[in-house]
Full PDB file with SEQRES, HELIX, SHEET, SSBOND, CRYST1, ORIGX, SCALE, CONECT and MASTER records, all heavy atoms in Angstrom:
SEQRES   1 A   31  VAL PRO LYS ALA ASP GLY ALA SER VAL PRO VAL LEU GLY          
SEQRES   2 A   31  ASP LEU SER GLY VAL LEU GLU ALA ALA GLN ARG GLY GLN          
SEQRES   3 A   31  VAL GLN THR VAL ALA                                          
HELIX    1 AA1 LEU A   15  GLY A   17  5                                   3    
HELIX    2 AA2 VAL A   18  ARG A   24  1                                   7    
CRYST1    1.000    1.000    1.000  90.00  90.00  90.00 P 1           1          
ORIGX1      1.000000  0.000000  0.000000        0.00000                         
ORIGX2      0.000000  1.000000  0.000000        0.00000                         
ORIGX3      0.000000  0.000000  1.000000        0.00000                         
SCALE1      1.000000  0.000000  0.000000        0.00000                         
SCALE2      0.000000  1.000000  0.000000        0.00000                         
SCALE3      0.000000  0.000000  1.000000        0.00000                         
ATOM      1  N   VAL A   1       3.564   1.102  -3.503  1.00  0.00           N  
ATOM      2  CA  VAL A   1       4.682   1.623  -4.276  1.00  0.00           C  
ATOM      3  C   VAL A   1       4.313   1.593  -5.750  1.00  0.00           C  
ATOM      4  O   VAL A   1       3.362   0.907  -6.156  1.00  0.00           O  
ATOM      5  CB  VAL A   1       5.954   0.779  -4.022  1.00  0.00           C  
ATOM      6  CG1 VAL A   1       6.357   0.851  -2.550  1.00  0.00           C  
ATOM      7  CG2 VAL A   1       5.742  -0.669  -4.446  1.00  0.00           C  
ATOM      8  N   PRO A   2       5.034   2.347  -6.594  1.00  0.00           N  
ATOM      9  CA  PRO A   2       4.782   2.260  -8.036  1.00  0.00           C  
ATOM     10  C   PRO A   2       4.899   0.822  -8.528  1.00  0.00           C  
ATOM     11  O   PRO A   2       5.617  -0.003  -7.940  1.00  0.00           O  
ATOM     12  CB  PRO A   2       5.892   3.146  -8.632  1.00  0.00           C  
ATOM     13  CG  PRO A   2       6.219   4.117  -7.548  1.00  0.00           C  
ATOM     14  CD  PRO A   2       6.058   3.352  -6.269  1.00  0.00           C  
ATOM     15  N   LYS A   3       4.204   0.505  -9.590  1.00  0.00           N  
ATOM     16  CA  LYS A   3       4.116  -0.883 -10.065  1.00  0.00           C  
ATOM     17  C   LYS A   3       5.477  -1.491 -10.364  1.00  0.00           C  
ATOM     18  O   LYS A   3       5.671  -2.695 -10.214  1.00  0.00           O  
ATOM     19  CB  LYS A   3       3.226  -0.946 -11.308  1.00  0.00           C  
ATOM     20  CG  LYS A   3       1.761  -0.626 -11.011  1.00  0.00           C  
ATOM     21  CD  LYS A   3       0.903  -0.736 -12.244  1.00  0.00           C  
ATOM     22  CE  LYS A   3      -0.568  -0.436 -11.921  1.00  0.00           C  
ATOM     23  NZ  LYS A   3      -1.444  -0.529 -13.107  1.00  0.00           N  
ATOM     24  N   ALA A   4       6.443  -0.659 -10.788  1.00  0.00           N  
ATOM     25  CA  ALA A   4       7.755  -1.198 -11.145  1.00  0.00           C  
ATOM     26  C   ALA A   4       8.668  -1.374  -9.932  1.00  0.00           C  
ATOM     27  O   ALA A   4       9.746  -1.946 -10.049  1.00  0.00           O  
ATOM     28  CB  ALA A   4       8.439  -0.280 -12.157  1.00  0.00           C  
ATOM     29  N   ASP A   5       8.244  -0.884  -8.767  1.00  0.00           N  
ATOM     30  CA  ASP A   5       9.091  -0.918  -7.573  1.00  0.00           C  
ATOM     31  C   ASP A   5       8.750  -2.100  -6.672  1.00  0.00           C  
ATOM     32  O   ASP A   5       7.665  -2.664  -6.733  1.00  0.00           O  
ATOM     33  CB  ASP A   5       8.943   0.367  -6.759  1.00  0.00           C  
ATOM     34  CG  ASP A   5       9.707   1.527  -7.377  1.00  0.00           C  
ATOM     35  OD1 ASP A   5      10.214   1.348  -8.502  1.00  0.00           O  
ATOM     36  OD2 ASP A   5       9.808   2.588  -6.744  1.00  0.00           O  
ATOM     37  N   GLY A   6       9.699  -2.423  -5.810  1.00  0.00           N  
ATOM     38  CA  GLY A   6       9.476  -3.382  -4.738  1.00  0.00           C  
ATOM     39  C   GLY A   6       9.865  -2.736  -3.425  1.00  0.00           C  
ATOM     40  O   GLY A   6      10.363  -1.613  -3.387  1.00  0.00           O  
ATOM     41  N   ALA A   7       9.645  -3.444  -2.340  1.00  0.00           N  
ATOM     42  CA  ALA A   7       9.991  -2.913  -1.028  1.00  0.00           C  
ATOM     43  C   ALA A   7      10.268  -4.075  -0.087  1.00  0.00           C  
ATOM     44  O   ALA A   7       9.870  -5.219  -0.344  1.00  0.00           O  
ATOM     45  CB  ALA A   7       8.867  -2.039  -0.478  1.00  0.00           C  
ATOM     46  N   SER A   8      10.986  -3.756   1.002  1.00  0.00           N  
ATOM     47  CA  SER A   8      11.314  -4.789   1.981  1.00  0.00           C  
ATOM     48  C   SER A   8      10.123  -5.156   2.855  1.00  0.00           C  
ATOM     49  O   SER A   8      10.124  -6.190   3.505  1.00  0.00           O  
ATOM     50  CB  SER A   8      12.467  -4.305   2.870  1.00  0.00           C  
ATOM     51  OG  SER A   8      12.104  -3.118   3.561  1.00  0.00           O  
ATOM     52  N   VAL A   9       9.082  -4.306   2.869  1.00  0.00           N  
ATOM     53  CA  VAL A   9       7.861  -4.603   3.622  1.00  0.00           C  
ATOM     54  C   VAL A   9       6.816  -5.129   2.630  1.00  0.00           C  
ATOM     55  O   VAL A   9       6.948  -4.934   1.421  1.00  0.00           O  
ATOM     56  CB  VAL A   9       7.340  -3.341   4.347  1.00  0.00           C  
ATOM     57  CG1 VAL A   9       8.360  -2.857   5.364  1.00  0.00           C  
ATOM     58  CG2 VAL A   9       7.006  -2.224   3.356  1.00  0.00           C  
ATOM     59  N   PRO A  10       5.779  -5.806   3.122  1.00  0.00           N  
ATOM     60  CA  PRO A  10       4.765  -6.333   2.199  1.00  0.00           C  
ATOM     61  C   PRO A  10       4.129  -5.238   1.347  1.00  0.00           C  
ATOM     62  O   PRO A  10       3.730  -4.198   1.864  1.00  0.00           O  
ATOM     63  CB  PRO A  10       3.738  -6.970   3.142  1.00  0.00           C  
ATOM     64  CG  PRO A  10       4.506  -7.293   4.377  1.00  0.00           C  
ATOM     65  CD  PRO A  10       5.529  -6.212   4.519  1.00  0.00           C  
ATOM     66  N   VAL A  11       4.071  -5.450   0.046  1.00  0.00           N  
ATOM     67  CA  VAL A  11       3.448  -4.496  -0.877  1.00  0.00           C  
ATOM     68  C   VAL A  11       1.971  -4.845  -0.996  1.00  0.00           C  
ATOM     69  O   VAL A  11       1.610  -5.933  -1.455  1.00  0.00           O  
ATOM     70  CB  VAL A  11       4.138  -4.531  -2.250  1.00  0.00           C  
ATOM     71  CG1 VAL A  11       3.412  -3.608  -3.229  1.00  0.00           C  
ATOM     72  CG2 VAL A  11       5.604  -4.140  -2.126  1.00  0.00           C  
ATOM     73  N   LEU A  12       1.113  -3.893  -0.570  1.00  0.00           N  
ATOM     74  CA  LEU A  12      -0.328  -4.126  -0.562  1.00  0.00           C  
ATOM     75  C   LEU A  12      -1.041  -3.534  -1.770  1.00  0.00           C  
ATOM     76  O   LEU A  12      -2.244  -3.699  -1.907  1.00  0.00           O  
ATOM     77  CB  LEU A  12      -0.944  -3.554   0.726  1.00  0.00           C  
ATOM     78  CG  LEU A  12      -0.368  -4.077   2.038  1.00  0.00           C  
ATOM     79  CD1 LEU A  12      -1.122  -3.485   3.224  1.00  0.00           C  
ATOM     80  CD2 LEU A  12      -0.422  -5.598   2.084  1.00  0.00           C  
ATOM     81  N   GLY A  13      -0.299  -2.828  -2.613  1.00  0.00           N  
ATOM     82  CA  GLY A  13      -0.916  -2.229  -3.785  1.00  0.00           C  
ATOM     83  C   GLY A  13      -0.012  -1.184  -4.402  1.00  0.00           C  
ATOM     84  O   GLY A  13       1.110  -0.951  -3.938  1.00  0.00           O  
ATOM     85  N   ASP A  14      -0.508  -0.535  -5.468  1.00  0.00           N  
ATOM     86  CA  ASP A  14       0.261   0.544  -6.083  1.00  0.00           C  
ATOM     87  C   ASP A  14      -0.343   1.878  -5.650  1.00  0.00           C  
ATOM     88  O   ASP A  14      -1.238   1.947  -4.799  1.00  0.00           O  
ATOM     89  CB  ASP A  14       0.287   0.401  -7.611  1.00  0.00           C  
ATOM     90  CG  ASP A  14      -1.113   0.354  -8.220  1.00  0.00           C  
ATOM     91  OD1 ASP A  14      -2.064   0.879  -7.584  1.00  0.00           O  
ATOM     92  OD2 ASP A  14      -1.271  -0.187  -9.325  1.00  0.00           O  
ATOM     93  N   LEU A  15       0.133   2.964  -6.251  1.00  0.00           N  
ATOM     94  CA  LEU A  15      -0.280   4.292  -5.818  1.00  0.00           C  
ATOM     95  C   LEU A  15      -1.728   4.613  -6.151  1.00  0.00           C  
ATOM     96  O   LEU A  15      -2.285   5.572  -5.615  1.00  0.00           O  
ATOM     97  CB  LEU A  15       0.640   5.355  -6.449  1.00  0.00           C  
ATOM     98  CG  LEU A  15       2.133   5.241  -6.099  1.00  0.00           C  
ATOM     99  CD1 LEU A  15       2.904   6.412  -6.684  1.00  0.00           C  
ATOM    100  CD2 LEU A  15       2.328   5.179  -4.597  1.00  0.00           C  
ATOM    101  N   SER A  16      -2.350   3.835  -7.017  1.00  0.00           N  
ATOM    102  CA  SER A  16      -3.751   4.098  -7.360  1.00  0.00           C  
ATOM    103  C   SER A  16      -4.724   3.393  -6.414  1.00  0.00           C  
ATOM    104  O   SER A  16      -5.931   3.604  -6.502  1.00  0.00           O  
ATOM    105  CB  SER A  16      -4.030   3.646  -8.802  1.00  0.00           C  
ATOM    106  OG  SER A  16      -3.882   2.235  -8.918  1.00  0.00           O  
ATOM    107  N   GLY A  17      -4.215   2.559  -5.532  1.00  0.00           N  
ATOM    108  CA  GLY A  17      -5.101   1.817  -4.646  1.00  0.00           C  
ATOM    109  C   GLY A  17      -4.781   1.997  -3.180  1.00  0.00           C  
ATOM    110  O   GLY A  17      -4.858   1.039  -2.397  1.00  0.00           O  
ATOM    111  N   VAL A  18      -4.432   3.220  -2.785  1.00  0.00           N  
ATOM    112  CA  VAL A  18      -4.032   3.474  -1.404  1.00  0.00           C  
ATOM    113  C   VAL A  18      -5.189   3.239  -0.436  1.00  0.00           C  
ATOM    114  O   VAL A  18      -5.028   2.606   0.612  1.00  0.00           O  
ATOM    115  CB  VAL A  18      -3.486   4.911  -1.257  1.00  0.00           C  
ATOM    116  CG1 VAL A  18      -3.232   5.247   0.208  1.00  0.00           C  
ATOM    117  CG2 VAL A  18      -2.206   5.074  -2.066  1.00  0.00           C  
ATOM    118  N   LEU A  19      -6.372   3.743  -0.763  1.00  0.00           N  
ATOM    119  CA  LEU A  19      -7.514   3.590   0.132  1.00  0.00           C  
ATOM    120  C   LEU A  19      -7.859   2.125   0.351  1.00  0.00           C  
ATOM    121  O   LEU A  19      -8.068   1.686   1.490  1.00  0.00           O  
ATOM    122  CB  LEU A  19      -8.720   4.338  -0.426  1.00  0.00           C  
ATOM    123  CG  LEU A  19     -10.021   4.197   0.383  1.00  0.00           C  
ATOM    124  CD1 LEU A  19      -9.829   4.705   1.816  1.00  0.00           C  
ATOM    125  CD2 LEU A  19     -11.162   4.937  -0.291  1.00  0.00           C  
ATOM    126  N   GLU A  20      -7.908   1.347  -0.736  1.00  0.00           N  
ATOM    127  CA  GLU A  20      -8.235  -0.069  -0.599  1.00  0.00           C  
ATOM    128  C   GLU A  20      -7.170  -0.792   0.222  1.00  0.00           C  
ATOM    129  O   GLU A  20      -7.482  -1.634   1.070  1.00  0.00           O  
ATOM    130  CB  GLU A  20      -8.355  -0.721  -1.983  1.00  0.00           C  
ATOM    131  CG  GLU A  20      -9.578  -0.296  -2.770  1.00  0.00           C  
ATOM    132  CD  GLU A  20      -9.380   1.036  -3.476  1.00  0.00           C  
ATOM    133  OE1 GLU A  20      -8.340   1.681  -3.245  1.00  0.00           O  
ATOM    134  OE2 GLU A  20     -10.282   1.431  -4.231  1.00  0.00           O  
ATOM    135  N   ALA A  21      -5.901  -0.465   0.002  1.00  0.00           N  
ATOM    136  CA  ALA A  21      -4.822  -1.103   0.753  1.00  0.00           C  
ATOM    137  C   ALA A  21      -4.902  -0.735   2.227  1.00  0.00           C  
ATOM    138  O   ALA A  21      -4.666  -1.575   3.105  1.00  0.00           O  
ATOM    139  CB  ALA A  21      -3.471  -0.697   0.169  1.00  0.00           C  
ATOM    140  N   ALA A  22      -5.229   0.520   2.506  1.00  0.00           N  
ATOM    141  CA  ALA A  22      -5.331   0.960   3.898  1.00  0.00           C  
ATOM    142  C   ALA A  22      -6.458   0.244   4.625  1.00  0.00           C  
ATOM    143  O   ALA A  22      -6.316  -0.177   5.780  1.00  0.00           O  
ATOM    144  CB  ALA A  22      -5.539   2.473   3.948  1.00  0.00           C  
ATOM    145  N   GLN A  23      -7.593   0.087   3.944  1.00  0.00           N  
ATOM    146  CA  GLN A  23      -8.717  -0.608   4.567  1.00  0.00           C  
ATOM    147  C   GLN A  23      -8.442  -2.098   4.703  1.00  0.00           C  
ATOM    148  O   GLN A  23      -8.806  -2.714   5.708  1.00  0.00           O  
ATOM    149  CB  GLN A  23      -9.983  -0.363   3.750  1.00  0.00           C  
ATOM    150  CG  GLN A  23     -10.466   1.085   3.798  1.00  0.00           C  
ATOM    151  CD  GLN A  23     -11.651   1.335   2.899  1.00  0.00           C  
ATOM    152  OE1 GLN A  23     -11.758   0.745   1.820  1.00  0.00           O  
ATOM    153  NE2 GLN A  23     -12.547   2.211   3.321  1.00  0.00           N  
ATOM    154  N   ARG A  24      -7.764  -2.668   3.715  1.00  0.00           N  
ATOM    155  CA  ARG A  24      -7.455  -4.092   3.774  1.00  0.00           C  
ATOM    156  C   ARG A  24      -6.450  -4.379   4.889  1.00  0.00           C  
ATOM    157  O   ARG A  24      -6.542  -5.414   5.565  1.00  0.00           O  
ATOM    158  CB  ARG A  24      -6.894  -4.557   2.428  1.00  0.00           C  
ATOM    159  CG  ARG A  24      -6.732  -6.060   2.310  1.00  0.00           C  
ATOM    160  CD  ARG A  24      -6.518  -6.485   0.865  1.00  0.00           C  
ATOM    161  NE  ARG A  24      -5.331  -5.891   0.267  1.00  0.00           N  
ATOM    162  CZ  ARG A  24      -5.339  -4.942  -0.658  1.00  0.00           C  
ATOM    163  NH1 ARG A  24      -6.505  -4.448  -1.075  1.00  0.00           N  
ATOM    164  NH2 ARG A  24      -4.226  -4.459  -1.159  1.00  0.00           N  
ATOM    165  N   GLY A  25      -5.520  -3.469   5.085  1.00  0.00           N  
ATOM    166  CA  GLY A  25      -4.531  -3.640   6.143  1.00  0.00           C  
ATOM    167  C   GLY A  25      -4.994  -3.158   7.502  1.00  0.00           C  
ATOM    168  O   GLY A  25      -4.248  -3.267   8.477  1.00  0.00           O  
ATOM    169  N   GLN A  26      -6.232  -2.604   7.567  1.00  0.00           N  
ATOM    170  CA  GLN A  26      -6.806  -2.103   8.830  1.00  0.00           C  
ATOM    171  C   GLN A  26      -5.834  -1.140   9.531  1.00  0.00           C  
ATOM    172  O   GLN A  26      -5.580  -1.240  10.726  1.00  0.00           O  
ATOM    173  CB  GLN A  26      -7.164  -3.259   9.757  1.00  0.00           C  
ATOM    174  CG  GLN A  26      -8.245  -4.169   9.201  1.00  0.00           C  
ATOM    175  CD  GLN A  26      -8.599  -5.297  10.154  1.00  0.00           C  
ATOM    176  OE1 GLN A  26      -7.748  -5.789  10.893  1.00  0.00           O  
ATOM    177  NE2 GLN A  26      -9.865  -5.700  10.153  1.00  0.00           N  
ATOM    178  N   VAL A  27      -5.301  -0.193   8.760  1.00  0.00           N  
ATOM    179  CA  VAL A  27      -4.313   0.741   9.309  1.00  0.00           C  
ATOM    180  C   VAL A  27      -5.012   1.952   9.914  1.00  0.00           C  
ATOM    181  O   VAL A  27      -6.159   2.273   9.578  1.00  0.00           O  
ATOM    182  CB  VAL A  27      -3.314   1.198   8.218  1.00  0.00           C  
ATOM    183  CG1 VAL A  27      -2.636   0.003   7.573  1.00  0.00           C  
ATOM    184  CG2 VAL A  27      -3.983   2.069   7.167  1.00  0.00           C  
ATOM    185  N   GLN A  28      -4.287   2.601  10.818  1.00  0.00           N  
ATOM    186  CA  GLN A  28      -4.769   3.846  11.404  1.00  0.00           C  
ATOM    187  C   GLN A  28      -4.074   5.068  10.808  1.00  0.00           C  
ATOM    188  O   GLN A  28      -4.546   6.182  10.954  1.00  0.00           O  
ATOM    189  CB  GLN A  28      -4.530   3.851  12.924  1.00  0.00           C  
ATOM    190  CG  GLN A  28      -5.409   2.901  13.716  1.00  0.00           C  
ATOM    191  CD  GLN A  28      -4.884   1.485  13.704  1.00  0.00           C  
ATOM    192  OE1 GLN A  28      -3.679   1.239  13.740  1.00  0.00           O  
ATOM    193  NE2 GLN A  28      -5.797   0.532  13.654  1.00  0.00           N  
ATOM    194  N   THR A  29      -2.943   4.849  10.125  1.00  0.00           N  
ATOM    195  CA  THR A  29      -2.159   5.962   9.585  1.00  0.00           C  
ATOM    196  C   THR A  29      -1.609   5.590   8.221  1.00  0.00           C  
ATOM    197  O   THR A  29      -1.112   4.468   8.027  1.00  0.00           O  
ATOM    198  CB  THR A  29      -0.987   6.320  10.525  1.00  0.00           C  
ATOM    199  OG1 THR A  29      -1.494   6.649  11.820  1.00  0.00           O  
ATOM    200  CG2 THR A  29      -0.201   7.505   9.989  1.00  0.00           C  
ATOM    201  N   VAL A  30      -1.669   6.544   7.296  1.00  0.00           N  
ATOM    202  CA  VAL A  30      -1.008   6.428   5.999  1.00  0.00           C  
ATOM    203  C   VAL A  30       0.123   7.449   5.992  1.00  0.00           C  
ATOM    204  O   VAL A  30      -0.107   8.645   6.170  1.00  0.00           O  
ATOM    205  CB  VAL A  30      -1.974   6.683   4.830  1.00  0.00           C  
ATOM    206  CG1 VAL A  30      -1.206   6.795   3.509  1.00  0.00           C  
ATOM    207  CG2 VAL A  30      -3.017   5.586   4.746  1.00  0.00           C  
ATOM    208  N   ALA A  31       1.350   6.976   5.803  1.00  0.00           N  
ATOM    209  CA  ALA A  31       2.525   7.849   5.799  1.00  0.00           C  
ATOM    210  C   ALA A  31       3.084   7.914   4.389  1.00  0.00           C  
ATOM    211  O   ALA A  31       3.482   6.892   3.819  1.00  0.00           O  
ATOM    212  CB  ALA A  31       3.584   7.326   6.767  1.00  0.00           C  
TER     213      ALA A  31                                                      
MASTER        0    0    0    2    0    0    0    6  212    1    0    3          
END                                                                             
């Protein structure tokens, strides 16, 4: 999410680090 935002699910990064967050979370899908 944007740096100023929060979410009810764990925040793994901001919008500039989607790839790193996806690999760190071992995800199969980015929505």
